[in-house]
Full PDB file with SEQRES, HELIX, SHEET, SSBOND, CRYST1, ORIGX, SCALE, CONECT and MASTER records, all heavy atoms in Angstrom:
SEQRES   1 A   45  PRO GLY LYS VAL VAL VAL ALA GLY PRO ALA SER THR GLN          
SEQRES   2 A   45  ASP VAL ALA THR ILE LEU SER THR VAL PRO SER ASP CYS          
SEQRES   3 A   45  VAL ALA LEU LEU ASP GLY ALA LEU SER ARG LEU ALA PRO          
SEQRES   4 A   45  MET SER LEU ALA THR GLU                                      
HELIX    1 AA1 THR A   12  LEU A   19  1                                   8    
HELIX    2 AA2 LEU A   34  ARG A   36  5                                   3    
HELIX    3 AA3 ALA A   38  LEU A   42  5                                   5    
CRYST1    1.000    1.000    1.000  90.00  90.00  90.00 P 1           1          
ORIGX1      1.000000  0.000000  0.000000        0.00000                         
ORIGX2      0.000000  1.000000  0.000000        0.00000                         
ORIGX3      0.000000  0.000000  1.000000        0.00000                         
SCALE1      1.000000  0.000000  0.000000        0.00000                         
SCALE2      0.000000  1.000000  0.000000        0.00000                         
SCALE3      0.000000  0.000000  1.000000        0.00000                         
ATOM      1  N   PRO A   1       0.845  -1.208  -0.010  1.00  0.00           N  
ATOM      2  CA  PRO A   1      -0.010   0.019  -0.003  1.00  0.00           C  
ATOM      3  C   PRO A   1       0.872   1.240  -0.009  1.00  0.00           C  
ATOM      4  O   PRO A   1       2.028   1.226   0.349  1.00  0.00           O  
ATOM      5  CB  PRO A   1      -0.788  -0.118   1.331  1.00  0.00           C  
ATOM      6  CG  PRO A   1       0.061  -0.995   2.176  1.00  0.00           C  
ATOM      7  CD  PRO A   1       0.780  -1.923   1.272  1.00  0.00           C  
ATOM      8  N   GLY A   2       0.273   2.345  -0.407  1.00  0.00           N  
ATOM      9  CA  GLY A   2       1.012   3.594  -0.401  1.00  0.00           C  
ATOM     10  C   GLY A   2       0.386   4.623  -1.297  1.00  0.00           C  
ATOM     11  O   GLY A   2      -0.770   4.478  -1.758  1.00  0.00           O  
ATOM     12  N   LYS A   3       1.119   5.710  -1.544  1.00  0.00           N  
ATOM     13  CA  LYS A   3       0.660   6.804  -2.347  1.00  0.00           C  
ATOM     14  C   LYS A   3       1.207   6.778  -3.751  1.00  0.00           C  
ATOM     15  O   LYS A   3       2.291   6.252  -3.998  1.00  0.00           O  
ATOM     16  CB  LYS A   3       1.044   8.163  -1.689  1.00  0.00           C  
ATOM     17  CG  LYS A   3       0.528   8.338  -0.285  1.00  0.00           C  
ATOM     18  CD  LYS A   3       1.146   9.567   0.352  1.00  0.00           C  
ATOM     19  CE  LYS A   3       0.738   9.725   1.839  1.00  0.00           C  
ATOM     20  NZ  LYS A   3       1.467  10.839   2.474  1.00  0.00           N  
ATOM     21  N   VAL A   4       0.427   7.341  -4.724  1.00  0.00           N  
ATOM     22  CA  VAL A   4       0.844   7.418  -6.110  1.00  0.00           C  
ATOM     23  C   VAL A   4       0.230   8.587  -6.751  1.00  0.00           C  
ATOM     24  O   VAL A   4      -0.895   8.991  -6.392  1.00  0.00           O  
ATOM     25  CB  VAL A   4       0.515   6.102  -6.837  1.00  0.00           C  
ATOM     26  CG1 VAL A   4      -0.995   5.916  -6.911  1.00  0.00           C  
ATOM     27  CG2 VAL A   4       1.098   6.090  -8.266  1.00  0.00           C  
ATOM     28  N   VAL A   5       0.949   9.244  -7.627  1.00  0.00           N  
ATOM     29  CA  VAL A   5       0.373  10.290  -8.441  1.00  0.00           C  
ATOM     30  C   VAL A   5      -0.063   9.664  -9.778  1.00  0.00           C  
ATOM     31  O   VAL A   5       0.705   8.927 -10.379  1.00  0.00           O  
ATOM     32  CB  VAL A   5       1.412  11.414  -8.747  1.00  0.00           C  
ATOM     33  CG1 VAL A   5       0.821  12.450  -9.703  1.00  0.00           C  
ATOM     34  CG2 VAL A   5       1.814  12.096  -7.423  1.00  0.00           C  
ATOM     35  N   VAL A   6      -1.323   9.915 -10.159  1.00  0.00           N  
ATOM     36  CA  VAL A   6      -1.885   9.314 -11.366  1.00  0.00           C  
ATOM     37  C   VAL A   6      -1.994  10.340 -12.429  1.00  0.00           C  
ATOM     38  O   VAL A   6      -2.676  11.368 -12.290  1.00  0.00           O  
ATOM     39  CB  VAL A   6      -3.254   8.698 -11.059  1.00  0.00           C  
ATOM     40  CG1 VAL A   6      -3.786   7.948 -12.282  1.00  0.00           C  
ATOM     41  CG2 VAL A   6      -3.173   7.754  -9.850  1.00  0.00           C  
ATOM     42  N   ALA A   7      -1.300  10.162 -13.536  1.00  0.00           N  
ATOM     43  CA  ALA A   7      -1.331  11.038 -14.722  1.00  0.00           C  
ATOM     44  C   ALA A   7      -1.650  10.265 -15.948  1.00  0.00           C  
ATOM     45  O   ALA A   7      -1.167   9.121 -16.145  1.00  0.00           O  
ATOM     46  CB  ALA A   7      -0.012  11.768 -14.841  1.00  0.00           C  
ATOM     47  N   GLY A   8      -2.460  10.852 -16.823  1.00  0.00           N  
ATOM     48  CA  GLY A   8      -2.843  10.157 -18.025  1.00  0.00           C  
ATOM     49  C   GLY A   8      -3.107  11.128 -19.165  1.00  0.00           C  
ATOM     50  O   GLY A   8      -3.058  12.340 -18.973  1.00  0.00           O  
ATOM     51  N   PRO A   9      -3.457  10.638 -20.315  1.00  0.00           N  
ATOM     52  CA  PRO A   9      -3.675  11.457 -21.506  1.00  0.00           C  
ATOM     53  C   PRO A   9      -5.036  12.139 -21.440  1.00  0.00           C  
ATOM     54  O   PRO A   9      -5.947  11.725 -20.734  1.00  0.00           O  
ATOM     55  CB  PRO A   9      -3.618  10.466 -22.667  1.00  0.00           C  
ATOM     56  CG  PRO A   9      -4.088   9.167 -22.056  1.00  0.00           C  
ATOM     57  CD  PRO A   9      -3.571   9.177 -20.634  1.00  0.00           C  
ATOM     58  N   ALA A  10      -5.187  13.179 -22.269  1.00  0.00           N  
ATOM     59  CA  ALA A  10      -6.422  13.948 -22.311  1.00  0.00           C  
ATOM     60  C   ALA A  10      -7.287  13.567 -23.502  1.00  0.00           C  
ATOM     61  O   ALA A  10      -8.424  14.062 -23.613  1.00  0.00           O  
ATOM     62  CB  ALA A  10      -6.150  15.449 -22.335  1.00  0.00           C  
ATOM     63  N   SER A  11      -6.788  12.742 -24.404  1.00  0.00           N  
ATOM     64  CA  SER A  11      -7.577  12.390 -25.578  1.00  0.00           C  
ATOM     65  C   SER A  11      -8.401  11.144 -25.342  1.00  0.00           C  
ATOM     66  O   SER A  11      -7.959  10.196 -24.658  1.00  0.00           O  
ATOM     67  CB  SER A  11      -6.675  12.179 -26.798  1.00  0.00           C  
ATOM     68  OG  SER A  11      -6.146  10.887 -26.840  1.00  0.00           O  
ATOM     69  N   THR A  12      -9.603  11.111 -25.855  1.00  0.00           N  
ATOM     70  CA  THR A  12     -10.497   9.983 -25.719  1.00  0.00           C  
ATOM     71  C   THR A  12      -9.887   8.720 -26.291  1.00  0.00           C  
ATOM     72  O   THR A  12      -9.989   7.642 -25.707  1.00  0.00           O  
ATOM     73  CB  THR A  12     -11.853  10.269 -26.401  1.00  0.00           C  
ATOM     74  OG1 THR A  12     -12.413  11.490 -25.817  1.00  0.00           O  
ATOM     75  CG2 THR A  12     -12.801   9.144 -26.224  1.00  0.00           C  
ATOM     76  N   GLN A  13      -9.237   8.834 -27.428  1.00  0.00           N  
ATOM     77  CA  GLN A  13      -8.649   7.659 -28.086  1.00  0.00           C  
ATOM     78  C   GLN A  13      -7.555   7.046 -27.207  1.00  0.00           C  
ATOM     79  O   GLN A  13      -7.489   5.813 -27.009  1.00  0.00           O  
ATOM     80  CB  GLN A  13      -8.076   8.005 -29.458  1.00  0.00           C  
ATOM     81  CG  GLN A  13      -7.476   6.846 -30.171  1.00  0.00           C  
ATOM     82  CD  GLN A  13      -7.014   7.220 -31.602  1.00  0.00           C  
ATOM     83  OE1 GLN A  13      -7.296   8.298 -32.066  1.00  0.00           O  
ATOM     84  NE2 GLN A  13      -6.295   6.279 -32.248  1.00  0.00           N  
ATOM     85  N   ASP A  14      -6.703   7.901 -26.613  1.00  0.00           N  
ATOM     86  CA  ASP A  14      -5.628   7.363 -25.769  1.00  0.00           C  
ATOM     87  C   ASP A  14      -6.170   6.752 -24.483  1.00  0.00           C  
ATOM     88  O   ASP A  14      -5.671   5.718 -23.983  1.00  0.00           O  
ATOM     89  CB  ASP A  14      -4.644   8.440 -25.442  1.00  0.00           C  
ATOM     90  CG  ASP A  14      -3.726   8.805 -26.621  1.00  0.00           C  
ATOM     91  OD1 ASP A  14      -3.631   7.981 -27.525  1.00  0.00           O  
ATOM     92  OD2 ASP A  14      -3.173   9.944 -26.627  1.00  0.00           O  
ATOM     93  N   VAL A  15      -7.202   7.396 -23.911  1.00  0.00           N  
ATOM     94  CA  VAL A  15      -7.807   6.813 -22.694  1.00  0.00           C  
ATOM     95  C   VAL A  15      -8.474   5.485 -22.998  1.00  0.00           C  
ATOM     96  O   VAL A  15      -8.391   4.534 -22.242  1.00  0.00           O  
ATOM     97  CB  VAL A  15      -8.815   7.796 -22.054  1.00  0.00           C  
ATOM     98  CG1 VAL A  15      -9.556   7.123 -20.870  1.00  0.00           C  
ATOM     99  CG2 VAL A  15      -8.096   9.068 -21.570  1.00  0.00           C  
ATOM    100  N   ALA A  16      -9.109   5.401 -24.170  1.00  0.00           N  
ATOM    101  CA  ALA A  16      -9.709   4.130 -24.606  1.00  0.00           C  
ATOM    102  C   ALA A  16      -8.638   3.034 -24.767  1.00  0.00           C  
ATOM    103  O   ALA A  16      -8.894   1.880 -24.399  1.00  0.00           O  
ATOM    104  CB  ALA A  16     -10.452   4.312 -25.901  1.00  0.00           C  
ATOM    105  N   THR A  17      -7.472   3.399 -25.206  1.00  0.00           N  
ATOM    106  CA  THR A  17      -6.363   2.463 -25.340  1.00  0.00           C  
ATOM    107  C   THR A  17      -5.977   1.916 -23.984  1.00  0.00           C  
ATOM    108  O   THR A  17      -5.781   0.717 -23.816  1.00  0.00           O  
ATOM    109  CB  THR A  17      -5.170   3.116 -26.013  1.00  0.00           C  
ATOM    110  OG1 THR A  17      -5.527   3.511 -27.355  1.00  0.00           O  
ATOM    111  CG2 THR A  17      -3.976   2.168 -26.089  1.00  0.00           C  
ATOM    112  N   ILE A  18      -5.904   2.797 -22.997  1.00  0.00           N  
ATOM    113  CA  ILE A  18      -5.550   2.363 -21.636  1.00  0.00           C  
ATOM    114  C   ILE A  18      -6.648   1.448 -21.078  1.00  0.00           C  
ATOM    115  O   ILE A  18      -6.355   0.381 -20.506  1.00  0.00           O  
ATOM    116  CB  ILE A  18      -5.364   3.610 -20.726  1.00  0.00           C  
ATOM    117  CG1 ILE A  18      -4.100   4.364 -21.135  1.00  0.00           C  
ATOM    118  CG2 ILE A  18      -5.212   3.172 -19.256  1.00  0.00           C  
ATOM    119  CD1 ILE A  18      -3.932   5.713 -20.441  1.00  0.00           C  
ATOM    120  N   LEU A  19      -7.896   1.853 -21.228  1.00  0.00           N  
ATOM    121  CA  LEU A  19      -8.990   1.059 -20.717  1.00  0.00           C  
ATOM    122  C   LEU A  19      -9.093  -0.321 -21.375  1.00  0.00           C  
ATOM    123  O   LEU A  19      -9.592  -1.270 -20.757  1.00  0.00           O  
ATOM    124  CB  LEU A  19     -10.316   1.811 -20.846  1.00  0.00           C  
ATOM    125  CG  LEU A  19     -10.470   3.081 -19.990  1.00  0.00           C  
ATOM    126  CD1 LEU A  19     -11.749   3.785 -20.306  1.00  0.00           C  
ATOM    127  CD2 LEU A  19     -10.352   2.750 -18.500  1.00  0.00           C  
ATOM    128  N   SER A  20      -8.579  -0.422 -22.581  1.00  0.00           N  
ATOM    129  CA  SER A  20      -8.641  -1.744 -23.251  1.00  0.00           C  
ATOM    130  C   SER A  20      -7.663  -2.707 -22.575  1.00  0.00           C  
ATOM    131  O   SER A  20      -7.772  -3.923 -22.832  1.00  0.00           O  
ATOM    132  CB  SER A  20      -8.258  -1.567 -24.733  1.00  0.00           C  
ATOM    133  OG  SER A  20      -6.885  -1.250 -24.890  1.00  0.00           O  
ATOM    134  N   THR A  21      -6.765  -2.247 -21.734  1.00  0.00           N  
ATOM    135  CA  THR A  21      -5.810  -3.106 -21.039  1.00  0.00           C  
ATOM    136  C   THR A  21      -6.321  -3.519 -19.665  1.00  0.00           C  
ATOM    137  O   THR A  21      -5.630  -4.293 -18.956  1.00  0.00           O  
ATOM    138  CB  THR A  21      -4.453  -2.429 -20.852  1.00  0.00           C  
ATOM    139  OG1 THR A  21      -4.558  -1.336 -19.922  1.00  0.00           O  
ATOM    140  CG2 THR A  21      -3.951  -1.866 -22.178  1.00  0.00           C  
ATOM    141  N   VAL A  22      -7.505  -3.012 -19.262  1.00  0.00           N  
ATOM    142  CA  VAL A  22      -8.028  -3.344 -17.915  1.00  0.00           C  
ATOM    143  C   VAL A  22      -8.376  -4.836 -17.850  1.00  0.00           C  
ATOM    144  O   VAL A  22      -9.125  -5.347 -18.678  1.00  0.00           O  
ATOM    145  CB  VAL A  22      -9.268  -2.494 -17.586  1.00  0.00           C  
ATOM    146  CG1 VAL A  22      -9.854  -2.900 -16.259  1.00  0.00           C  
ATOM    147  CG2 VAL A  22      -8.914  -1.032 -17.625  1.00  0.00           C  
ATOM    148  N   PRO A  23      -7.831  -5.596 -16.877  1.00  0.00           N  
ATOM    149  CA  PRO A  23      -8.174  -6.985 -16.728  1.00  0.00           C  
ATOM    150  C   PRO A  23      -9.673  -7.186 -16.533  1.00  0.00           C  
ATOM    151  O   PRO A  23     -10.349  -6.317 -15.979  1.00  0.00           O  
ATOM    152  CB  PRO A  23      -7.373  -7.429 -15.505  1.00  0.00           C  
ATOM    153  CG  PRO A  23      -6.250  -6.429 -15.366  1.00  0.00           C  
ATOM    154  CD  PRO A  23      -6.821  -5.123 -15.876  1.00  0.00           C  
ATOM    155  N   SER A  24     -10.158  -8.322 -16.958  1.00  0.00           N  
ATOM    156  CA  SER A  24     -11.610  -8.565 -16.903  1.00  0.00           C  
ATOM    157  C   SER A  24     -12.146  -8.621 -15.487  1.00  0.00           C  
ATOM    158  O   SER A  24     -13.359  -8.471 -15.294  1.00  0.00           O  
ATOM    159  CB  SER A  24     -11.937  -9.854 -17.624  1.00  0.00           C  
ATOM    160  OG  SER A  24     -11.289 -10.946 -17.011  1.00  0.00           O  
ATOM    161  N   ASP A  25     -11.290  -8.840 -14.489  1.00  0.00           N  
ATOM    162  CA  ASP A  25     -11.804  -8.926 -13.110  1.00  0.00           C  
ATOM    163  C   ASP A  25     -11.683  -7.593 -12.377  1.00  0.00           C  
ATOM    164  O   ASP A  25     -11.915  -7.547 -11.163  1.00  0.00           O  
ATOM    165  CB  ASP A  25     -11.012  -9.986 -12.344  1.00  0.00           C  
ATOM    166  CG  ASP A  25      -9.554  -9.660 -12.178  1.00  0.00           C  
ATOM    167  OD1 ASP A  25      -9.054  -8.798 -12.937  1.00  0.00           O  
ATOM    168  OD2 ASP A  25      -8.891 -10.219 -11.285  1.00  0.00           O  
ATOM    169  N   CYS A  26     -11.407  -6.493 -13.090  1.00  0.00           N  
ATOM    170  CA  CYS A  26     -11.284  -5.191 -12.449  1.00  0.00           C  
ATOM    171  C   CYS A  26     -12.423  -4.280 -12.797  1.00  0.00           C  
ATOM    172  O   CYS A  26     -12.984  -4.308 -13.877  1.00  0.00           O  
ATOM    173  CB  CYS A  26      -9.999  -4.507 -12.938  1.00  0.00           C  
ATOM    174  SG  CYS A  26      -8.444  -5.186 -12.254  1.00  0.00           S  
ATOM    175  N   VAL A  27     -12.750  -3.421 -11.831  1.00  0.00           N  
ATOM    176  CA  VAL A  27     -13.611  -2.266 -12.071  1.00  0.00           C  
ATOM    177  C   VAL A  27     -12.676  -1.049 -12.271  1.00  0.00           C  
ATOM    178  O   VAL A  27     -11.831  -0.726 -11.413  1.00  0.00           O  
ATOM    179  CB  VAL A  27     -14.544  -1.986 -10.908  1.00  0.00           C  
ATOM    180  CG1 VAL A  27     -15.422  -0.740 -11.187  1.00  0.00           C  
ATOM    181  CG2 VAL A  27     -15.426  -3.186 -10.612  1.00  0.00           C  
ATOM    182  N   ALA A  28     -12.789  -0.420 -13.451  1.00  0.00           N  
ATOM    183  CA  ALA A  28     -11.912   0.722 -13.734  1.00  0.00           C  
ATOM    184  C   ALA A  28     -12.497   1.999 -13.151  1.00  0.00           C  
ATOM    185  O   ALA A  28     -13.675   2.262 -13.260  1.00  0.00           O  
ATOM    186  CB  ALA A  28     -11.749   0.854 -15.238  1.00  0.00           C  
ATOM    187  N   LEU A  29     -11.676   2.776 -12.510  1.00  0.00           N  
ATOM    188  CA  LEU A  29     -12.032   4.106 -11.982  1.00  0.00           C  
ATOM    189  C   LEU A  29     -11.276   5.140 -12.803  1.00  0.00           C  
ATOM    190  O   LEU A  29     -10.057   5.188 -12.802  1.00  0.00           O  
ATOM    191  CB  LEU A  29     -11.674   4.223 -10.498  1.00  0.00           C  
ATOM    192  CG  LEU A  29     -12.331   3.213  -9.553  1.00  0.00           C  
ATOM    193  CD1 LEU A  29     -11.953   3.556  -8.111  1.00  0.00           C  
ATOM    194  CD2 LEU A  29     -13.829   3.220  -9.741  1.00  0.00           C  
ATOM    195  N   LEU A  30     -12.070   5.984 -13.499  1.00  0.00           N  
ATOM    196  CA  LEU A  30     -11.483   6.991 -14.405  1.00  0.00           C  
ATOM    197  C   LEU A  30     -11.698   8.362 -13.775  1.00  0.00           C  
ATOM    198  O   LEU A  30     -12.800   8.830 -13.591  1.00  0.00           O  
ATOM    199  CB  LEU A  30     -12.188   6.927 -15.762  1.00  0.00           C  
ATOM    200  CG  LEU A  30     -11.775   7.916 -16.839  1.00  0.00           C  
ATOM    201  CD1 LEU A  30     -10.261   7.767 -17.169  1.00  0.00           C  
ATOM    202  CD2 LEU A  30     -12.613   7.745 -18.070  1.00  0.00           C  
ATOM    203  N   ASP A  31     -10.558   9.016 -13.429  1.00  0.00           N  
ATOM    204  CA  ASP A  31     -10.585  10.279 -12.724  1.00  0.00           C  
ATOM    205  C   ASP A  31     -10.400  11.441 -13.715  1.00  0.00           C  
ATOM    206  O   ASP A  31      -9.487  11.393 -14.522  1.00  0.00           O  
ATOM    207  CB  ASP A  31      -9.441  10.257 -11.667  1.00  0.00           C  
ATOM    208  CG  ASP A  31      -9.349  11.527 -10.855  1.00  0.00           C  
ATOM    209  OD1 ASP A  31      -8.838  12.535 -11.409  1.00  0.00           O  
ATOM    210  OD2 ASP A  31      -9.764  11.518  -9.694  1.00  0.00           O  
ATOM    211  N   GLY A  32     -11.220  12.463 -13.637  1.00  0.00           N  
ATOM    212  CA  GLY A  32     -11.072  13.576 -14.541  1.00  0.00           C  
ATOM    213  C   GLY A  32     -11.894  14.781 -14.195  1.00  0.00           C  
ATOM    214  O   GLY A  32     -12.949  14.675 -13.546  1.00  0.00           O  
ATOM    215  N   ALA A  33     -11.434  15.985 -14.617  1.00  0.00           N  
ATOM    216  CA  ALA A  33     -12.179  17.227 -14.348  1.00  0.00           C  
ATOM    217  C   ALA A  33     -13.119  17.529 -15.464  1.00  0.00           C  
ATOM    218  O   ALA A  33     -12.916  17.129 -16.591  1.00  0.00           O  
ATOM    219  CB  ALA A  33     -11.198  18.364 -14.124  1.00  0.00           C  
ATOM    220  N   LEU A  34     -14.190  18.302 -15.160  1.00  0.00           N  
ATOM    221  CA  LEU A  34     -15.154  18.666 -16.154  1.00  0.00           C  
ATOM    222  C   LEU A  34     -14.534  19.434 -17.337  1.00  0.00           C  
ATOM    223  O   LEU A  34     -14.963  19.321 -18.466  1.00  0.00           O  
ATOM    224  CB  LEU A  34     -16.291  19.511 -15.536  1.00  0.00           C  
ATOM    225  CG  LEU A  34     -17.589  19.588 -16.321  1.00  0.00           C  
ATOM    226  CD1 LEU A  34     -18.260  18.191 -16.438  1.00  0.00           C  
ATOM    227  CD2 LEU A  34     -18.547  20.549 -15.636  1.00  0.00           C  
ATOM    228  N   SER A  35     -13.506  20.207 -17.064  1.00  0.00           N  
ATOM    229  CA  SER A  35     -12.866  20.991 -18.106  1.00  0.00           C  
ATOM    230  C   SER A  35     -12.136  20.106 -19.123  1.00  0.00           C  
ATOM    231  O   SER A  35     -11.798  20.546 -20.221  1.00  0.00           O  
ATOM    232  CB  SER A  35     -11.851  21.983 -17.472  1.00  0.00           C  
ATOM    233  OG  SER A  35     -10.842  21.245 -16.767  1.00  0.00           O  
ATOM    234  N   ARG A  36     -11.899  18.837 -18.762  1.00  0.00           N  
ATOM    235  CA  ARG A  36     -11.290  17.900 -19.730  1.00  0.00           C  
ATOM    236  C   ARG A  36     -12.115  16.621 -19.728  1.00  0.00           C  
ATOM    237  O   ARG A  36     -11.593  15.519 -19.635  1.00  0.00           O  
ATOM    238  CB  ARG A  36      -9.825  17.614 -19.366  1.00  0.00           C  
ATOM    239  CG  ARG A  36      -9.572  17.220 -17.929  1.00  0.00           C  
ATOM    240  CD  ARG A  36      -8.090  17.009 -17.678  1.00  0.00           C  
ATOM    241  NE  ARG A  36      -7.860  16.387 -16.376  1.00  0.00           N  
ATOM    242  CZ  ARG A  36      -7.619  17.031 -15.251  1.00  0.00           C  
ATOM    243  NH1 ARG A  36      -7.648  18.345 -15.283  1.00  0.00           N  
ATOM    244  NH2 ARG A  36      -7.432  16.416 -14.127  1.00  0.00           N  
ATOM    245  N   LEU A  37     -13.426  16.792 -19.893  1.00  0.00           N  
ATOM    246  CA  LEU A  37     -14.377  15.726 -19.648  1.00  0.00           C  
ATOM    247  C   LEU A  37     -14.531  14.801 -20.836  1.00  0.00           C  
ATOM    248  O   LEU A  37     -15.096  13.688 -20.682  1.00  0.00           O  
ATOM    249  CB  LEU A  37     -15.731  16.329 -19.277  1.00  0.00           C  
ATOM    250  CG  LEU A  37     -16.810  15.395 -18.697  1.00  0.00           C  
ATOM    251  CD1 LEU A  37     -16.318  14.740 -17.435  1.00  0.00           C  
ATOM    252  CD2 LEU A  37     -18.061  16.163 -18.464  1.00  0.00           C  
ATOM    253  N   ALA A  38     -14.143  15.173 -22.038  1.00  0.00           N  
ATOM    254  CA  ALA A  38     -14.457  14.375 -23.228  1.00  0.00           C  
ATOM    255  C   ALA A  38     -14.203  12.862 -23.071  1.00  0.00           C  
ATOM    256  O   ALA A  38     -15.072  12.074 -23.432  1.00  0.00           O  
ATOM    257  CB  ALA A  38     -13.740  14.939 -24.462  1.00  0.00           C  
ATOM    258  N   PRO A  39     -13.062  12.450 -22.538  1.00  0.00           N  
ATOM    259  CA  PRO A  39     -12.846  10.998 -22.424  1.00  0.00           C  
ATOM    260  C   PRO A  39     -13.789  10.343 -21.393  1.00  0.00           C  
ATOM    261  O   PRO A  39     -13.877   9.103 -21.361  1.00  0.00           O  
ATOM    262  CB  PRO A  39     -11.366  10.886 -21.910  1.00  0.00           C  
ATOM    263  CG  PRO A  39     -10.725  12.152 -22.383  1.00  0.00           C  
ATOM    264  CD  PRO A  39     -11.823  13.189 -22.240  1.00  0.00           C  
ATOM    265  N   MET A  40     -14.510  11.113 -20.575  1.00  0.00           N  
ATOM    266  CA  MET A  40     -15.466  10.567 -19.645  1.00  0.00           C  
ATOM    267  C   MET A  40     -16.616   9.923 -20.388  1.00  0.00           C  
ATOM    268  O   MET A  40     -17.404   9.171 -19.802  1.00  0.00           O  
ATOM    269  CB  MET A  40     -15.991  11.632 -18.685  1.00  0.00           C  
ATOM    270  CG  MET A  40     -16.549  11.112 -17.406  1.00  0.00           C  
ATOM    271  SD  MET A  40     -15.382  10.184 -16.376  1.00  0.00           S  
ATOM    272  CE  MET A  40     -14.247  11.469 -15.818  1.00  0.00           C  
ATOM    273  N   SER A  41     -16.722  10.123 -21.666  1.00  0.00           N  
ATOM    274  CA  SER A  41     -17.737   9.451 -22.501  1.00  0.00           C  
ATOM    275  C   SER A  41     -17.466   7.946 -22.544  1.00  0.00           C  
ATOM    276  O   SER A  41     -18.332   7.189 -23.005  1.00  0.00           O  
ATOM    277  CB  SER A  41     -17.787  10.025 -23.919  1.00  0.00           C  
ATOM    278  OG  SER A  41     -16.568   9.814 -24.567  1.00  0.00           O  
ATOM    279  N   LEU A  42     -16.313   7.515 -22.082  1.00  0.00           N  
ATOM    280  CA  LEU A  42     -15.976   6.096 -22.036  1.00  0.00           C  
ATOM    281  C   LEU A  42     -16.549   5.426 -20.762  1.00  0.00           C  
ATOM    282  O   LEU A  42     -16.499   4.192 -20.649  1.00  0.00           O  
ATOM    283  CB  LEU A  42     -14.495   5.866 -22.136  1.00  0.00           C  
ATOM    284  CG  LEU A  42     -13.816   6.445 -23.384  1.00  0.00           C  
ATOM    285  CD1 LEU A  42     -12.275   6.445 -23.222  1.00  0.00           C  
ATOM    286  CD2 LEU A  42     -14.250   5.654 -24.610  1.00  0.00           C  
ATOM    287  N   ALA A  43     -17.024   6.223 -19.808  1.00  0.00           N  
ATOM    288  CA  ALA A  43     -17.539   5.668 -18.589  1.00  0.00           C  
ATOM    289  C   ALA A  43     -18.933   5.073 -18.767  1.00  0.00           C  
ATOM    290  O   ALA A  43     -19.763   5.563 -19.501  1.00  0.00           O  
ATOM    291  CB  ALA A  43     -17.572   6.754 -17.513  1.00  0.00           C  
ATOM    292  N   THR A  44     -19.150   3.961 -18.039  1.00  0.00           N  
ATOM    293  CA  THR A  44     -20.503   3.388 -18.037  1.00  0.00           C  
ATOM    294  C   THR A  44     -21.336   3.953 -16.896  1.00  0.00           C  
ATOM    295  O   THR A  44     -22.551   3.959 -16.984  1.00  0.00           O  
ATOM    296  CB  THR A  44     -20.382   1.864 -17.905  1.00  0.00           C  
ATOM    297  OG1 THR A  44     -19.636   1.530 -16.728  1.00  0.00           O  
ATOM    298  CG2 THR A  44     -19.753   1.206 -19.102  1.00  0.00           C  
ATOM    299  N   GLU A  45     -20.699   4.445 -15.868  1.00  0.00           N  
ATOM    300  CA  GLU A  45     -21.362   5.113 -14.757  1.00  0.00           C  
ATOM    301  C   GLU A  45     -20.517   6.319 -14.346  1.00  0.00           C  
ATOM    302  O   GLU A  45     -19.284   6.265 -14.487  1.00  0.00           O  
ATOM    303  CB  GLU A  45     -21.553   4.194 -13.548  1.00  0.00           C  
ATOM    304  CG  GLU A  45     -22.511   3.034 -13.768  1.00  0.00           C  
ATOM    305  CD  GLU A  45     -21.795   1.835 -14.360  1.00  0.00           C  
ATOM    306  OE1 GLU A  45     -20.566   1.736 -14.291  1.00  0.00           O  
ATOM    307  OE2 GLU A  45     -22.485   0.965 -14.931  1.00  0.00           O  
TER     308      GLU A  45                                                      
MASTER        0    0    0    3    0    0    0    6  307    1    0    4          
END                                                                             
């Protein structure tokens, strides 16, 4: 356990690429601000 800084891309295509690597037994948590919300269209909830 511990702390980590999480940084990622701002483009929907790149975020989709990352999410395609999520193992089938994981729930993905996608963190983002409204000012850069476009990739949030990949969220199911």
